[in-house]
Amino acid sequence: MKKIVLASLLAGFLLGCGSNTQDQALGFEDKDFTIIKIVSLGNELEYKAQERPNINFSKGKFNGFAGCNRFFGEFSLDKNKLSIAENSGSTKMLCDPEAMIFEDALLASFKGDFELKKNENGFVLESPALQIHLQ
């Protein structure tokens, strides 16, 4: 009897630990997020205009507005690891210089692997070169 109880407790503990990582991704896909700020190579940038930068992740594809141009591509999500595919792209309009500084910093480093972290306001995508704060 003791062995069954211990085995049940151990299984419950292991399942609980495994689900914490999965919980990071819960509520991430199929939502529109506002990009609140980015931290690019240690520099914090916010873009405050009428239409805030935004992004949506759905069914392996993402699309968004970077402050001037639209951007798009493919992604994969495995627990708390978000991988941006190499084939992403954007439109190429010239805009307000402030918008272009923010956009260039965002799009230049929005590639490769990001750690997905849930916080009290939404999510943070984090790589060595870029943090994207989403709400």
Protein backbone atom coordinates (compact mmCIF):
# COMPACT_ATOMS: atom_id res chain seq x y z
CA MET A 1 0.00 0.00 0.00
CA LYS A 2 2.83 2.40 0.88
CA LYS A 3 4.48 1.75 -2.49
CA ILE A 4 1.27 2.64 -4.35
CA VAL A 5 0.83 5.88 -2.40
CA LEU A 6 4.48 6.86 -2.91
CA ALA A 7 4.29 6.03 -6.62
CA SER A 8 1.12 8.12 -6.95
CA LEU A 9 2.69 11.07 -5.15
CA LEU A 10 5.84 10.85 -7.28
CA ALA A 11 3.80 10.68 -10.50
CA GLY A 12 1.73 13.68 -9.42
CA PHE A 13 4.85 15.65 -8.56
CA LEU A 14 6.49 14.88 -11.90
CA LEU A 15 3.36 15.77 -13.85
CA GLY A 16 3.06 19.01 -11.91
CA CYS A 17 6.65 19.96 -12.63
CA GLY A 18 6.24 19.22 -16.32
CA SER A 19 3.10 21.32 -16.63
CA ASN A 20 4.77 24.46 -15.23
CA THR A 21 6.86 24.79 -18.37
CA GLN A 22 3.81 24.14 -20.54
CA ASP A 23 1.89 26.83 -18.66
CA GLN A 24 4.24 29.47 -20.08
CA ALA A 25 2.75 28.91 -23.54
CA LEU A 26 -0.89 28.70 -22.42
CA GLY A 27 -2.79 31.68 -23.76
CA PHE A 28 0.00 32.70 -26.12
CA GLU A 29 -1.31 31.63 -29.51
CA ASP A 30 -4.35 33.06 -31.29
CA LYS A 31 -4.17 36.41 -29.50
CA ASP A 32 -3.33 39.91 -30.62
CA PHE A 33 -0.55 41.44 -28.53
CA THR A 34 0.60 45.03 -28.27
CA ILE A 35 4.37 45.40 -28.24
CA ILE A 36 4.82 47.55 -25.15
CA LYS A 37 8.58 47.96 -25.40
CA ILE A 38 11.69 46.24 -26.66
CA VAL A 39 15.17 46.02 -25.22
CA SER A 40 17.64 45.74 -28.08
CA LEU A 41 21.28 45.13 -27.18
CA GLY A 42 20.71 46.75 -23.78
CA ASN A 43 18.81 49.81 -25.10
CA GLU A 44 15.18 50.11 -24.00
CA LEU A 45 12.90 51.47 -26.72
CA GLU A 46 9.20 52.34 -26.57
CA TYR A 47 7.15 53.51 -29.50
CA LYS A 48 4.27 55.78 -28.54
CA ALA A 49 2.08 56.58 -31.49
CA GLN A 50 -1.58 56.26 -32.35
CA GLU A 51 -1.17 52.74 -33.73
CA ARG A 52 1.08 50.80 -31.36
CA PRO A 53 3.30 48.02 -32.71
CA ASN A 54 1.58 44.66 -32.42
CA ILE A 55 1.91 40.98 -33.24
CA ASN A 56 -0.24 37.86 -33.52
CA PHE A 57 0.94 34.24 -33.39
CA SER A 58 -1.48 31.69 -34.84
CA LYS A 59 -1.19 28.23 -36.42
CA GLY A 60 2.55 28.41 -37.01
CA LYS A 61 2.46 31.89 -38.56
CA PHE A 62 2.95 35.37 -37.12
CA ASN A 63 2.15 38.82 -38.47
CA GLY A 64 2.26 42.28 -37.04
CA PHE A 65 2.88 45.98 -37.31
CA ALA A 66 6.36 47.21 -36.31
CA GLY A 67 5.61 50.95 -36.12
CA CYS A 68 5.77 51.69 -39.85
CA ASN A 69 5.76 48.43 -41.77
CA ARG A 70 3.96 45.12 -41.52
CA PHE A 71 6.02 42.00 -40.79
CA PHE A 72 5.24 38.30 -41.11
CA GLY A 73 6.68 34.81 -41.07
CA GLU A 74 6.53 31.37 -39.53
CA PHE A 75 7.28 30.14 -36.03
CA SER A 76 7.30 26.99 -33.93
CA LEU A 77 6.60 26.73 -30.24
CA ASP A 78 7.91 23.93 -28.03
CA LYS A 79 7.02 24.47 -24.37
CA ASN A 80 8.69 27.81 -23.61
CA LYS A 81 10.94 27.99 -26.70
CA LEU A 82 9.70 30.09 -29.62
CA SER A 83 11.65 29.69 -32.86
CA ILE A 84 11.29 32.24 -35.65
CA ALA A 85 11.84 30.76 -39.11
CA GLU A 86 14.43 32.21 -41.48
CA ASN A 87 11.83 33.05 -44.14
CA SER A 88 10.24 36.01 -42.30
CA GLY A 89 9.84 39.34 -44.07
CA SER A 90 8.34 42.82 -43.99
CA THR A 91 7.08 45.60 -46.18
CA LYS A 92 9.63 48.37 -46.88
CA MET A 93 8.01 51.80 -46.53
CA LEU A 94 9.97 54.80 -45.25
CA CYS A 95 8.38 56.49 -42.24
CA ASP A 96 8.94 58.88 -39.37
CA PRO A 97 12.56 58.56 -38.10
CA GLU A 98 11.41 57.70 -34.54
CA ALA A 99 9.29 54.85 -35.89
CA MET A 100 12.17 53.62 -38.04
CA ILE A 101 14.59 53.48 -35.07
CA PHE A 102 12.16 51.31 -33.11
CA GLU A 103 11.26 49.17 -36.12
CA ASP A 104 14.84 48.62 -37.27
CA ALA A 105 15.87 47.52 -33.75
CA LEU A 106 12.91 45.12 -33.56
CA LEU A 107 13.17 43.56 -37.00
CA ALA A 108 16.98 43.30 -37.10
CA SER A 109 17.01 40.90 -34.13
CA PHE A 110 13.60 39.19 -34.49
CA LYS A 111 15.01 35.86 -35.65
CA GLY A 112 16.14 32.58 -34.19
CA ASP A 113 15.14 31.27 -30.78
CA PHE A 114 13.40 33.13 -27.97
CA GLU A 115 12.52 32.05 -24.47
CA LEU A 116 8.84 32.63 -23.78
CA LYS A 117 8.22 34.00 -20.28
CA LYS A 118 4.85 34.82 -18.79
CA ASN A 119 4.65 37.82 -16.46
CA GLU A 120 1.90 39.79 -14.73
CA ASN A 121 1.29 41.98 -17.82
CA GLY A 122 1.51 39.36 -20.57
CA PHE A 123 4.59 37.75 -22.08
CA VAL A 124 8.24 38.52 -22.73
CA LEU A 125 10.13 37.01 -25.65
CA GLU A 126 13.82 36.94 -24.79
CA SER A 127 16.95 36.18 -26.80
CA PRO A 128 20.54 37.28 -26.17
CA ALA A 129 20.04 40.30 -28.46
CA LEU A 130 16.38 41.23 -27.91
CA GLN A 131 13.55 41.33 -25.37
CA ILE A 132 10.03 41.96 -26.63
CA HIS A 133 7.44 42.87 -23.99
CA LEU A 134 3.92 41.89 -25.06
CA GLN A 135 0.61 42.77 -23.51
